[in-house]
Amino acid sequence: MKTSYDILLRPIISEQSMEHVDILKYAFEVRPDANKIEIKKAVEEIFGVKVDKVTTANVKGKSHRQGRYPEGYAKDWKKAVIRLKPDSKTIEFFEGMV
C-alpha cells in the first residue's frame, strides 16, 4: 500500500510555479501511477489543508546527448497542480520561497 509520502515525490520550485502561490496553487512531482483522488488525500493529510481541485500532466523527458551518437532521454514524470479552497490555510513550505 502506498503512503502519502510515497505519492508526493517533491515540490516543484520554479519561477512559474512561485507566481501562482498567491492564488493558492502549488505544484508537485508525483508518482506516475497516482490518480487525482490519491493526490488530493495525500496533500490534505501531509499539509493539513483543504484541496479544491487537482490537475495532472504527464511530462515527457527531454532528449540529451553525451558525445556524438548516444542520444538519451531524461525520465518521464507526472506533475500535479493543486488548487486550495479559499478558506484553507496556505502551505508554509512555499511561503519562504516567494
N, C-alpha and C. Protein backbone atom coordinates (compact mmCIF):
# COMPACT_ATOMS: atom_id res chain seq x y z
N MET A 1 0.84 -1.19 0.00
CA MET A 1 0.00 0.00 0.00
C MET A 1 0.88 1.24 0.00
N LYS A 2 0.48 2.25 -0.79
CA LYS A 2 1.24 3.48 -0.89
C LYS A 2 0.83 4.43 0.23
N THR A 3 1.81 5.05 0.85
CA THR A 3 1.52 6.07 1.85
C THR A 3 1.48 7.43 1.15
N SER A 4 1.09 8.45 1.90
CA SER A 4 1.02 9.80 1.33
C SER A 4 2.39 10.30 0.92
N TYR A 5 3.41 9.89 1.67
CA TYR A 5 4.77 10.34 1.35
C TYR A 5 5.33 9.60 0.14
N ASP A 6 4.76 8.46 -0.23
CA ASP A 6 5.17 7.77 -1.45
C ASP A 6 4.56 8.41 -2.68
N ILE A 7 3.40 9.03 -2.54
CA ILE A 7 2.69 9.62 -3.68
C ILE A 7 3.32 10.96 -4.07
N LEU A 8 3.55 11.84 -3.10
CA LEU A 8 4.18 13.13 -3.39
C LEU A 8 5.69 12.95 -3.35
N LEU A 9 6.35 13.14 -4.48
CA LEU A 9 7.79 12.93 -4.54
C LEU A 9 8.57 14.17 -4.16
N ARG A 10 8.21 15.33 -4.72
CA ARG A 10 8.92 16.57 -4.39
C ARG A 10 8.07 17.75 -4.83
N PRO A 11 8.25 18.90 -4.19
CA PRO A 11 7.59 20.12 -4.69
C PRO A 11 8.36 20.66 -5.88
N ILE A 12 7.66 21.33 -6.76
CA ILE A 12 8.31 21.94 -7.92
C ILE A 12 8.50 23.43 -7.62
N ILE A 13 9.77 23.81 -7.49
CA ILE A 13 10.12 25.18 -7.17
C ILE A 13 10.68 25.82 -8.44
N SER A 14 9.85 26.56 -9.14
CA SER A 14 10.28 27.26 -10.35
C SER A 14 9.66 28.65 -10.34
N GLU A 15 10.11 29.47 -11.24
CA GLU A 15 9.59 30.83 -11.32
C GLU A 15 8.09 30.83 -11.64
N GLN A 16 7.69 29.97 -12.55
CA GLN A 16 6.29 29.92 -12.93
C GLN A 16 5.42 29.39 -11.79
N SER A 17 5.87 28.38 -11.09
CA SER A 17 5.05 27.83 -10.01
C SER A 17 4.98 28.78 -8.81
N MET A 18 6.01 29.58 -8.60
CA MET A 18 6.01 30.53 -7.49
C MET A 18 5.08 31.72 -7.75
N GLU A 19 4.79 32.03 -9.00
CA GLU A 19 3.85 33.10 -9.32
C GLU A 19 2.43 32.74 -8.93
N HIS A 20 2.12 31.46 -8.85
CA HIS A 20 0.76 31.01 -8.55
C HIS A 20 0.51 30.77 -7.06
N VAL A 21 1.51 30.98 -6.23
CA VAL A 21 1.34 30.74 -4.79
C VAL A 21 0.32 31.70 -4.20
N ASP A 22 0.27 32.93 -4.69
CA ASP A 22 -0.67 33.92 -4.13
C ASP A 22 -2.12 33.59 -4.45
N ILE A 23 -2.37 32.77 -5.47
CA ILE A 23 -3.75 32.34 -5.76
C ILE A 23 -3.98 30.90 -5.29
N LEU A 24 -3.15 30.46 -4.34
CA LEU A 24 -3.27 29.16 -3.68
C LEU A 24 -3.15 27.98 -4.64
N LYS A 25 -2.20 28.06 -5.57
CA LYS A 25 -1.90 26.95 -6.47
C LYS A 25 -0.46 26.49 -6.20
N TYR A 26 -0.29 25.18 -6.04
CA TYR A 26 1.01 24.61 -5.72
C TYR A 26 1.27 23.44 -6.66
N ALA A 27 2.54 23.26 -7.05
CA ALA A 27 2.91 22.20 -7.98
C ALA A 27 3.80 21.17 -7.30
N PHE A 28 3.56 19.90 -7.61
CA PHE A 28 4.33 18.80 -7.05
C PHE A 28 4.65 17.79 -8.14
N GLU A 29 5.77 17.10 -7.99
CA GLU A 29 6.03 15.91 -8.80
C GLU A 29 5.45 14.74 -8.03
N VAL A 30 4.67 13.91 -8.71
CA VAL A 30 4.00 12.79 -8.06
C VAL A 30 4.36 11.50 -8.78
N ARG A 31 3.98 10.38 -8.17
CA ARG A 31 4.21 9.08 -8.80
C ARG A 31 3.43 8.99 -10.10
N PRO A 32 3.99 8.38 -11.13
CA PRO A 32 3.28 8.29 -12.41
C PRO A 32 1.98 7.49 -12.35
N ASP A 33 1.86 6.59 -11.39
CA ASP A 33 0.64 5.79 -11.30
C ASP A 33 -0.38 6.34 -10.31
N ALA A 34 -0.12 7.52 -9.74
CA ALA A 34 -1.05 8.12 -8.78
C ALA A 34 -2.20 8.80 -9.51
N ASN A 35 -3.41 8.67 -8.97
CA ASN A 35 -4.55 9.35 -9.58
C ASN A 35 -4.90 10.60 -8.75
N LYS A 36 -5.87 11.37 -9.24
CA LYS A 36 -6.20 12.65 -8.62
C LYS A 36 -6.74 12.49 -7.20
N ILE A 37 -7.49 11.45 -6.96
CA ILE A 37 -8.06 11.23 -5.63
C ILE A 37 -6.96 10.92 -4.62
N GLU A 38 -6.00 10.08 -5.01
CA GLU A 38 -4.88 9.77 -4.12
C GLU A 38 -4.03 11.00 -3.85
N ILE A 39 -3.81 11.82 -4.87
CA ILE A 39 -3.01 13.04 -4.71
C ILE A 39 -3.72 14.00 -3.76
N LYS A 40 -5.02 14.17 -3.92
CA LYS A 40 -5.79 15.06 -3.05
C LYS A 40 -5.71 14.61 -1.60
N LYS A 41 -5.91 13.32 -1.34
CA LYS A 41 -5.85 12.81 0.02
C LYS A 41 -4.45 12.96 0.61
N ALA A 42 -3.42 12.75 -0.21
CA ALA A 42 -2.04 12.87 0.28
C ALA A 42 -1.71 14.30 0.70
N VAL A 43 -2.11 15.28 -0.12
CA VAL A 43 -1.83 16.68 0.21
C VAL A 43 -2.60 17.10 1.46
N GLU A 44 -3.85 16.70 1.56
CA GLU A 44 -4.65 17.05 2.73
C GLU A 44 -4.08 16.42 4.00
N GLU A 45 -3.57 15.19 3.90
CA GLU A 45 -3.03 14.52 5.07
C GLU A 45 -1.69 15.10 5.50
N ILE A 46 -0.80 15.37 4.54
CA ILE A 46 0.54 15.84 4.88
C ILE A 46 0.53 17.28 5.36
N PHE A 47 -0.17 18.17 4.65
CA PHE A 47 -0.11 19.60 4.96
C PHE A 47 -1.29 20.11 5.77
N GLY A 48 -2.34 19.33 5.94
CA GLY A 48 -3.49 19.77 6.72
C GLY A 48 -4.26 20.91 6.08
N VAL A 49 -4.47 20.85 4.78
CA VAL A 49 -5.18 21.90 4.03
C VAL A 49 -6.40 21.29 3.36
N LYS A 50 -7.24 22.16 2.78
CA LYS A 50 -8.42 21.70 2.03
C LYS A 50 -8.16 21.91 0.55
N VAL A 51 -8.17 20.83 -0.21
CA VAL A 51 -7.89 20.88 -1.64
C VAL A 51 -9.19 21.08 -2.41
N ASP A 52 -9.19 22.04 -3.33
CA ASP A 52 -10.35 22.31 -4.17
C ASP A 52 -10.28 21.52 -5.46
N LYS A 53 -9.13 21.54 -6.14
CA LYS A 53 -9.02 20.92 -7.46
C LYS A 53 -7.60 20.40 -7.66
N VAL A 54 -7.50 19.30 -8.38
CA VAL A 54 -6.20 18.72 -8.74
C VAL A 54 -6.17 18.55 -10.25
N THR A 55 -5.13 19.09 -10.89
CA THR A 55 -4.91 18.85 -12.31
C THR A 55 -3.57 18.15 -12.46
N THR A 56 -3.51 17.18 -13.36
CA THR A 56 -2.28 16.43 -13.56
C THR A 56 -1.85 16.52 -15.01
N ALA A 57 -0.56 16.33 -15.22
CA ALA A 57 0.00 16.32 -16.57
C ALA A 57 1.18 15.35 -16.60
N ASN A 58 1.22 14.52 -17.63
CA ASN A 58 2.37 13.65 -17.85
C ASN A 58 3.39 14.44 -18.65
N VAL A 59 4.60 14.59 -18.11
CA VAL A 59 5.65 15.38 -18.73
C VAL A 59 6.64 14.42 -19.38
N LYS A 60 6.86 14.60 -20.66
CA LYS A 60 7.79 13.75 -21.38
C LYS A 60 9.21 14.23 -21.13
N GLY A 61 10.12 13.28 -20.94
CA GLY A 61 11.52 13.62 -20.70
C GLY A 61 12.18 14.23 -21.92
N LYS A 62 13.06 15.19 -21.70
CA LYS A 62 13.75 15.85 -22.80
C LYS A 62 14.92 15.00 -23.28
N SER A 63 15.27 15.17 -24.55
CA SER A 63 16.39 14.42 -25.09
C SER A 63 17.70 15.07 -24.69
N HIS A 64 18.69 14.24 -24.41
CA HIS A 64 20.01 14.70 -24.02
C HIS A 64 21.05 13.93 -24.82
N ARG A 65 22.17 14.58 -25.08
CA ARG A 65 23.27 13.91 -25.77
C ARG A 65 24.49 13.93 -24.88
N GLN A 66 25.23 12.84 -24.95
CA GLN A 66 26.54 12.79 -24.31
C GLN A 66 27.49 12.27 -25.37
N GLY A 67 28.20 13.15 -25.99
CA GLY A 67 29.05 12.74 -27.09
C GLY A 67 28.34 12.90 -28.42
N ARG A 68 28.74 12.08 -29.39
CA ARG A 68 28.23 12.27 -30.74
C ARG A 68 26.91 11.54 -30.98
N TYR A 69 26.86 10.25 -30.78
CA TYR A 69 25.68 9.48 -31.16
C TYR A 69 24.78 9.01 -30.03
N PRO A 70 25.30 8.66 -28.88
CA PRO A 70 24.37 8.03 -27.91
C PRO A 70 23.40 9.02 -27.32
N GLU A 71 22.31 9.21 -28.03
CA GLU A 71 21.29 10.14 -27.55
C GLU A 71 20.41 9.43 -26.54
N GLY A 72 20.15 10.08 -25.42
CA GLY A 72 19.31 9.50 -24.40
C GLY A 72 18.20 10.47 -24.02
N TYR A 73 17.38 10.05 -23.10
CA TYR A 73 16.26 10.88 -22.67
C TYR A 73 16.23 10.94 -21.15
N ALA A 74 15.81 12.07 -20.64
CA ALA A 74 15.53 12.18 -19.21
C ALA A 74 14.25 11.40 -18.94
N LYS A 75 14.04 11.03 -17.71
CA LYS A 75 12.88 10.20 -17.40
C LYS A 75 11.58 10.99 -17.57
N ASP A 76 10.53 10.29 -17.92
CA ASP A 76 9.18 10.87 -17.95
C ASP A 76 8.68 10.97 -16.52
N TRP A 77 7.88 11.99 -16.23
CA TRP A 77 7.38 12.17 -14.87
C TRP A 77 6.00 12.79 -14.92
N LYS A 78 5.35 12.82 -13.78
CA LYS A 78 3.99 13.33 -13.68
C LYS A 78 3.97 14.54 -12.76
N LYS A 79 3.29 15.59 -13.21
CA LYS A 79 3.17 16.82 -12.43
C LYS A 79 1.73 17.00 -12.00
N ALA A 80 1.54 17.42 -10.76
CA ALA A 80 0.21 17.71 -10.24
C ALA A 80 0.19 19.15 -9.75
N VAL A 81 -0.82 19.90 -10.18
CA VAL A 81 -1.04 21.26 -9.70
C VAL A 81 -2.27 21.23 -8.81
N ILE A 82 -2.08 21.64 -7.56
CA ILE A 82 -3.14 21.58 -6.56
C ILE A 82 -3.63 22.99 -6.29
N ARG A 83 -4.94 23.18 -6.38
CA ARG A 83 -5.54 24.47 -6.01
C ARG A 83 -6.28 24.27 -4.70
N LEU A 84 -6.01 25.13 -3.72
CA LEU A 84 -6.64 25.04 -2.42
C LEU A 84 -7.93 25.84 -2.39
N LYS A 85 -8.80 25.49 -1.46
CA LYS A 85 -10.04 26.25 -1.27
C LYS A 85 -9.70 27.62 -0.68
N PRO A 86 -10.50 28.64 -0.98
CA PRO A 86 -10.19 29.99 -0.48
C PRO A 86 -10.13 30.09 1.04
N ASP A 87 -10.90 29.28 1.75
CA ASP A 87 -10.89 29.36 3.21
C ASP A 87 -9.82 28.47 3.84
N SER A 88 -9.01 27.81 3.03
CA SER A 88 -7.97 26.93 3.54
C SER A 88 -6.73 27.73 3.92
N LYS A 89 -5.93 27.17 4.82
CA LYS A 89 -4.67 27.81 5.16
C LYS A 89 -3.66 27.51 4.06
N THR A 90 -2.57 28.24 4.02
CA THR A 90 -1.56 28.06 2.99
C THR A 90 -0.58 26.97 3.41
N ILE A 91 0.22 26.52 2.47
CA ILE A 91 1.28 25.56 2.76
C ILE A 91 2.52 26.35 3.14
N GLU A 92 2.99 26.19 4.37
CA GLU A 92 4.09 27.01 4.87
C GLU A 92 5.40 26.75 4.15
N PHE A 93 5.56 25.57 3.56
CA PHE A 93 6.80 25.22 2.87
C PHE A 93 7.11 26.21 1.75
N PHE A 94 6.07 26.67 1.05
CA PHE A 94 6.26 27.57 -0.09
C PHE A 94 6.34 29.04 0.32
N GLU A 95 5.99 29.38 1.54
CA GLU A 95 5.91 30.78 1.94
C GLU A 95 7.28 31.46 1.94
N GLY A 96 8.33 30.77 2.34
CA GLY A 96 9.65 31.37 2.37
C GLY A 96 10.28 31.50 1.00
N MET A 97 9.71 30.88 0.00
CA MET A 97 10.29 30.87 -1.34
C MET A 97 9.91 32.10 -2.16
N VAL A 98 8.80 32.74 -1.82
CA VAL A 98 8.27 33.83 -2.65
C VAL A 98 9.09 35.07 -2.51
